N, C-alpha and C. Protein backbone atom coordinates (compact mmCIF):
# COMPACT_ATOMS: atom_id res chain seq x y z
N MET A 1 51.92 84.68 68.18
CA MET A 1 53.09 85.08 67.47
C MET A 1 54.18 85.39 68.54
N GLN A 2 55.35 84.83 68.42
CA GLN A 2 56.41 85.18 69.34
C GLN A 2 57.65 85.58 68.60
N PHE A 3 58.39 86.75 69.07
CA PHE A 3 59.62 87.12 68.53
C PHE A 3 60.66 86.43 69.39
N ASP A 4 61.56 85.82 68.81
CA ASP A 4 62.75 85.24 69.56
C ASP A 4 63.99 86.03 69.13
N ASN A 5 64.32 86.96 69.93
CA ASN A 5 65.44 87.90 69.68
C ASN A 5 66.76 87.24 69.74
N ASN A 6 66.90 86.02 70.38
CA ASN A 6 68.15 85.36 70.43
C ASN A 6 68.60 84.51 69.16
N LEU A 7 67.53 84.10 68.43
CA LEU A 7 67.83 83.22 67.35
C LEU A 7 68.35 83.78 66.02
N GLU A 8 67.68 84.96 65.64
CA GLU A 8 68.09 85.50 64.43
C GLU A 8 68.26 86.99 64.57
N LYS A 9 69.19 87.61 63.73
CA LYS A 9 69.27 89.02 63.78
C LYS A 9 68.62 89.42 62.36
N VAL A 10 68.13 90.61 62.41
CA VAL A 10 67.48 91.19 61.20
C VAL A 10 68.58 91.52 60.24
N SER A 11 68.27 91.52 58.93
CA SER A 11 69.24 91.81 57.91
C SER A 11 69.87 93.29 58.15
N ALA A 12 70.89 93.51 57.46
CA ALA A 12 71.73 94.75 57.67
C ALA A 12 70.80 95.91 57.35
N ALA A 13 69.79 95.83 56.40
CA ALA A 13 68.95 96.88 56.18
C ALA A 13 67.88 97.15 57.29
N GLY A 14 67.84 96.27 58.21
CA GLY A 14 67.03 96.40 59.35
C GLY A 14 65.51 96.22 59.13
N SER A 15 65.23 95.43 58.06
CA SER A 15 63.85 95.30 57.74
C SER A 15 63.47 93.72 57.76
N LEU A 16 62.24 93.43 57.89
CA LEU A 16 61.71 92.16 57.80
C LEU A 16 60.77 92.10 56.73
N ASP A 17 60.99 91.16 55.81
CA ASP A 17 60.06 90.99 54.72
C ASP A 17 58.89 89.97 55.09
N VAL A 18 57.75 90.50 55.34
CA VAL A 18 56.65 89.68 55.69
C VAL A 18 55.47 90.02 54.77
N GLN A 19 54.87 89.16 54.31
CA GLN A 19 53.64 89.32 53.52
C GLN A 19 52.35 89.20 54.35
N VAL A 20 51.71 90.40 54.54
CA VAL A 20 50.49 90.36 55.44
C VAL A 20 49.26 90.77 54.73
N GLU A 21 49.34 90.92 53.32
CA GLU A 21 48.27 91.35 52.65
C GLU A 21 47.35 90.15 52.17
N GLN A 22 47.72 88.98 52.52
CA GLN A 22 46.85 87.90 52.18
C GLN A 22 45.45 87.93 52.85
N PRO A 23 44.34 87.41 52.19
CA PRO A 23 43.05 87.58 52.69
C PRO A 23 42.79 87.11 54.12
N GLN A 24 43.43 86.02 54.49
CA GLN A 24 43.13 85.51 55.87
C GLN A 24 43.41 86.49 56.97
N HIS A 25 44.25 87.43 56.72
CA HIS A 25 44.49 88.50 57.83
C HIS A 25 43.42 89.39 57.98
N HIS A 26 42.55 89.52 57.09
CA HIS A 26 41.44 90.50 57.20
C HIS A 26 40.47 90.03 58.32
N HIS A 27 40.41 88.88 58.77
CA HIS A 27 39.62 88.37 59.86
C HIS A 27 40.23 88.35 61.31
N LEU A 28 41.35 88.73 61.31
CA LEU A 28 42.11 88.84 62.60
C LEU A 28 41.57 89.82 63.55
N ARG A 29 41.04 89.31 64.72
CA ARG A 29 40.35 90.27 65.62
C ARG A 29 41.25 90.71 66.84
N GLU A 30 42.23 89.83 67.18
CA GLU A 30 43.06 90.13 68.31
C GLU A 30 44.49 89.65 67.96
N LEU A 31 45.51 90.43 68.18
CA LEU A 31 46.88 90.10 68.05
C LEU A 31 47.60 90.16 69.32
N VAL A 32 48.26 89.04 69.68
CA VAL A 32 49.02 89.00 70.85
C VAL A 32 50.45 88.68 70.43
N VAL A 33 51.42 89.56 70.71
CA VAL A 33 52.78 89.30 70.43
C VAL A 33 53.61 89.10 71.66
N ILE A 34 54.38 87.99 71.75
CA ILE A 34 55.25 87.72 72.94
C ILE A 34 56.58 87.92 72.44
N GLY A 35 57.39 88.61 73.33
CA GLY A 35 58.88 88.91 73.00
C GLY A 35 59.01 90.35 72.42
N PHE A 36 57.97 91.15 72.60
CA PHE A 36 58.02 92.56 71.96
C PHE A 36 58.92 93.37 72.94
N ASP A 37 59.89 94.06 72.30
CA ASP A 37 60.62 94.94 73.13
C ASP A 37 60.83 96.37 72.45
N GLY A 38 60.05 96.55 71.47
CA GLY A 38 59.85 97.88 70.83
C GLY A 38 60.98 98.35 69.82
N VAL A 39 61.67 97.33 69.39
CA VAL A 39 62.73 97.68 68.38
C VAL A 39 61.99 97.94 67.08
N ALA A 40 62.70 98.68 66.19
CA ALA A 40 62.00 99.22 65.03
C ALA A 40 61.42 98.13 64.05
N TRP A 41 62.23 97.00 63.93
CA TRP A 41 61.76 96.05 63.03
C TRP A 41 60.39 95.28 63.60
N GLN A 42 60.34 95.22 64.91
CA GLN A 42 59.19 94.56 65.53
C GLN A 42 58.01 95.54 65.40
N THR A 43 58.26 96.82 65.68
CA THR A 43 57.22 97.85 65.60
C THR A 43 56.67 97.88 64.16
N GLY A 44 57.50 97.81 63.16
CA GLY A 44 57.23 97.84 61.72
C GLY A 44 56.33 96.56 61.44
N PHE A 45 56.73 95.52 61.84
CA PHE A 45 55.97 94.27 61.59
C PHE A 45 54.62 94.33 62.22
N VAL A 46 54.42 94.71 63.48
CA VAL A 46 53.24 94.82 64.05
C VAL A 46 52.26 95.85 63.38
N LYS A 47 52.91 96.98 63.01
CA LYS A 47 52.12 98.04 62.23
C LYS A 47 51.59 97.58 60.89
N ARG A 48 52.27 96.69 60.16
CA ARG A 48 51.89 96.18 58.94
C ARG A 48 50.64 95.31 59.15
N ILE A 49 50.76 94.36 60.22
CA ILE A 49 49.54 93.63 60.59
C ILE A 49 48.32 94.48 60.90
N MET A 50 48.63 95.47 61.66
CA MET A 50 47.47 96.40 62.10
C MET A 50 46.84 97.06 60.76
N ARG A 51 47.63 97.44 59.86
CA ARG A 51 47.05 98.08 58.63
C ARG A 51 46.32 97.01 57.76
N ALA A 52 46.86 95.86 57.73
CA ALA A 52 46.16 94.73 56.82
C ALA A 52 44.96 94.12 57.48
N SER A 53 44.78 94.24 58.77
CA SER A 53 43.62 93.59 59.53
C SER A 53 42.64 94.55 59.77
N ARG A 54 41.64 94.67 58.97
CA ARG A 54 40.57 95.71 59.09
C ARG A 54 39.75 95.41 60.38
N ARG A 55 39.53 94.21 60.75
CA ARG A 55 38.67 93.80 61.89
C ARG A 55 39.45 93.76 63.23
N LEU A 56 40.68 94.09 63.27
CA LEU A 56 41.58 93.97 64.49
C LEU A 56 40.93 94.94 65.49
N GLY A 57 40.63 94.32 66.70
CA GLY A 57 40.10 95.03 67.78
C GLY A 57 41.00 95.37 68.94
N ARG A 58 42.04 94.58 69.05
CA ARG A 58 43.00 94.72 70.18
C ARG A 58 44.29 94.20 69.82
N VAL A 59 45.40 94.85 70.31
CA VAL A 59 46.76 94.46 70.14
C VAL A 59 47.43 94.46 71.57
N HIS A 60 47.98 93.26 71.87
CA HIS A 60 48.56 92.95 73.15
C HIS A 60 50.05 92.68 72.91
N LEU A 61 50.89 93.54 73.41
CA LEU A 61 52.36 93.35 73.22
C LEU A 61 53.02 93.03 74.52
N LEU A 62 53.63 91.88 74.60
CA LEU A 62 54.28 91.40 75.81
C LEU A 62 55.80 91.21 75.72
N ASP A 63 56.40 91.74 76.65
CA ASP A 63 57.84 91.45 76.78
C ASP A 63 58.09 90.23 77.61
N GLY A 64 58.24 89.02 76.95
CA GLY A 64 58.41 87.87 77.72
C GLY A 64 58.77 86.76 76.76
N HIS A 65 58.59 85.55 77.25
CA HIS A 65 58.88 84.44 76.21
C HIS A 65 57.96 83.17 76.68
N VAL A 66 57.84 82.23 75.72
CA VAL A 66 56.96 81.12 75.92
C VAL A 66 57.85 79.86 76.35
N VAL A 67 57.32 79.11 77.29
CA VAL A 67 57.85 77.96 77.81
C VAL A 67 56.87 76.85 77.34
N GLU A 68 57.39 75.92 76.73
CA GLU A 68 56.58 74.68 76.32
C GLU A 68 56.63 73.47 77.17
N ASP A 69 55.54 72.85 77.43
CA ASP A 69 55.51 71.53 78.12
C ASP A 69 55.40 70.51 76.92
N GLU A 70 56.46 69.83 76.62
CA GLU A 70 56.47 68.99 75.47
C GLU A 70 55.46 67.85 75.53
N GLU A 71 55.08 67.46 76.69
CA GLU A 71 54.11 66.39 76.82
C GLU A 71 52.63 66.88 76.51
N GLN A 72 52.37 68.17 76.68
CA GLN A 72 51.10 68.57 76.40
C GLN A 72 50.99 69.43 75.18
N GLU A 73 51.93 69.56 74.41
CA GLU A 73 52.00 70.39 73.12
C GLU A 73 51.50 71.80 73.30
N LEU A 74 50.49 72.15 72.57
CA LEU A 74 49.97 73.51 72.56
C LEU A 74 49.28 73.85 73.76
N VAL A 75 48.63 72.87 74.36
CA VAL A 75 47.84 73.15 75.62
C VAL A 75 48.83 73.55 76.77
N GLY A 76 50.09 73.12 76.74
CA GLY A 76 50.97 73.31 77.74
C GLY A 76 51.84 74.57 77.60
N LEU A 77 51.48 75.52 76.81
CA LEU A 77 52.23 76.76 76.57
C LEU A 77 52.04 77.61 77.83
N GLU A 78 53.09 78.21 78.21
CA GLU A 78 53.05 79.09 79.41
C GLU A 78 53.84 80.37 79.04
N ILE A 79 53.34 81.48 79.18
CA ILE A 79 54.00 82.81 79.00
C ILE A 79 54.60 83.29 80.18
N LEU A 80 55.90 83.46 80.14
CA LEU A 80 56.68 84.02 81.31
C LEU A 80 57.06 85.46 81.05
N PRO A 81 56.40 86.39 81.62
CA PRO A 81 56.71 87.79 81.34
C PRO A 81 58.15 88.19 81.90
N HIS A 82 58.76 89.19 81.27
CA HIS A 82 60.06 89.63 81.82
C HIS A 82 59.85 90.69 82.86
N ARG A 83 58.58 91.19 82.97
CA ARG A 83 58.23 92.24 83.91
C ARG A 83 59.04 93.49 83.60
N ARG A 84 59.18 93.84 82.38
CA ARG A 84 59.87 95.06 81.90
C ARG A 84 59.00 96.16 82.46
N GLU A 85 59.75 97.23 82.84
CA GLU A 85 59.14 98.50 83.20
C GLU A 85 59.30 99.45 81.94
N TRP A 86 58.20 99.73 81.25
CA TRP A 86 58.25 100.69 80.20
C TRP A 86 58.38 102.07 80.76
N HIS A 87 59.34 102.87 80.41
CA HIS A 87 59.33 104.29 80.87
C HIS A 87 58.27 105.02 80.12
N GLU A 88 57.77 105.88 80.69
CA GLU A 88 56.50 106.63 80.01
C GLU A 88 56.93 107.26 78.60
N CYS A 89 58.04 107.84 78.51
CA CYS A 89 58.38 108.41 77.24
C CYS A 89 58.66 107.31 76.25
N GLU A 90 59.22 106.17 76.64
CA GLU A 90 59.42 105.08 75.66
C GLU A 90 58.05 104.44 75.27
N ARG A 91 57.19 104.32 76.21
CA ARG A 91 55.84 103.80 75.95
C ARG A 91 55.07 104.69 75.01
N LEU A 92 55.15 105.94 75.17
CA LEU A 92 54.45 106.88 74.29
C LEU A 92 55.13 106.86 72.88
N GLU A 93 56.35 106.76 72.72
CA GLU A 93 57.07 106.72 71.46
C GLU A 93 56.61 105.49 70.78
N VAL A 94 56.56 104.35 71.31
CA VAL A 94 56.05 103.00 70.70
C VAL A 94 54.63 103.14 70.21
N LEU A 95 53.78 103.66 71.18
CA LEU A 95 52.36 103.76 70.85
C LEU A 95 52.16 104.77 69.77
N GLU A 96 52.90 105.83 69.67
CA GLU A 96 52.67 106.88 68.60
C GLU A 96 53.15 106.22 67.31
N GLU A 97 54.28 105.52 67.32
CA GLU A 97 54.74 104.84 66.05
C GLU A 97 53.75 103.88 65.60
N LEU A 98 53.13 103.06 66.46
CA LEU A 98 52.18 102.10 66.07
C LEU A 98 50.95 102.66 65.46
N THR A 99 50.46 103.76 66.01
CA THR A 99 49.19 104.32 65.63
C THR A 99 49.29 105.32 64.47
N ASP A 100 50.53 105.83 64.18
CA ASP A 100 50.82 106.83 63.09
C ASP A 100 50.44 106.12 61.84
N GLY A 101 49.41 106.69 61.16
CA GLY A 101 48.97 106.24 59.79
C GLY A 101 48.20 105.00 59.74
N THR A 102 47.87 104.39 60.90
CA THR A 102 47.04 103.18 60.90
C THR A 102 45.57 103.49 61.27
N GLY A 103 45.30 104.57 61.91
CA GLY A 103 43.96 104.88 62.30
C GLY A 103 43.54 103.99 63.51
N PHE A 104 44.49 103.25 64.08
CA PHE A 104 44.10 102.40 65.24
C PHE A 104 44.13 103.16 66.50
N PRO A 105 43.01 103.01 67.30
CA PRO A 105 43.10 103.86 68.52
C PRO A 105 44.06 103.26 69.54
N VAL A 106 44.78 104.24 70.18
CA VAL A 106 45.81 103.86 71.15
C VAL A 106 45.27 103.13 72.39
N HIS A 107 44.02 103.27 72.76
CA HIS A 107 43.52 102.72 74.00
C HIS A 107 43.20 101.19 73.71
N LYS A 108 43.36 100.68 72.45
CA LYS A 108 43.21 99.30 72.20
C LYS A 108 44.55 98.52 72.05
N ILE A 109 45.58 99.25 72.47
CA ILE A 109 46.89 98.66 72.50
C ILE A 109 47.37 98.42 73.92
N VAL A 110 47.72 97.14 74.24
CA VAL A 110 48.24 96.91 75.61
C VAL A 110 49.73 96.67 75.46
N LEU A 111 50.48 97.42 76.15
CA LEU A 111 51.96 97.35 76.15
C LEU A 111 52.43 96.87 77.57
N GLU A 112 52.89 95.56 77.69
CA GLU A 112 53.41 95.09 78.90
C GLU A 112 54.80 94.56 78.77
């Protein structure tokens, strides 16, 4: 999953309407999100997936973007990190928000 912050802005209400209660999400074991920068709508989206995915074992949140090699299609995807430095208070705030009410252990969330 990749968030592209340059293409679309979230609605004025600041919400993203995503249906994650479908059965196929119950088998998700790992979630990797590329382009995560901790804004409220992204955090809310990830939190909804965490609640809906009972077997989820790890969440990896990357601040970066994907570069595609058009000749190789999906095999040629490369993740370019922004090398963001998360300040400790900012990191704790995001982790607290993600784990609040989900029962998901903080040590299974990687924030880079």
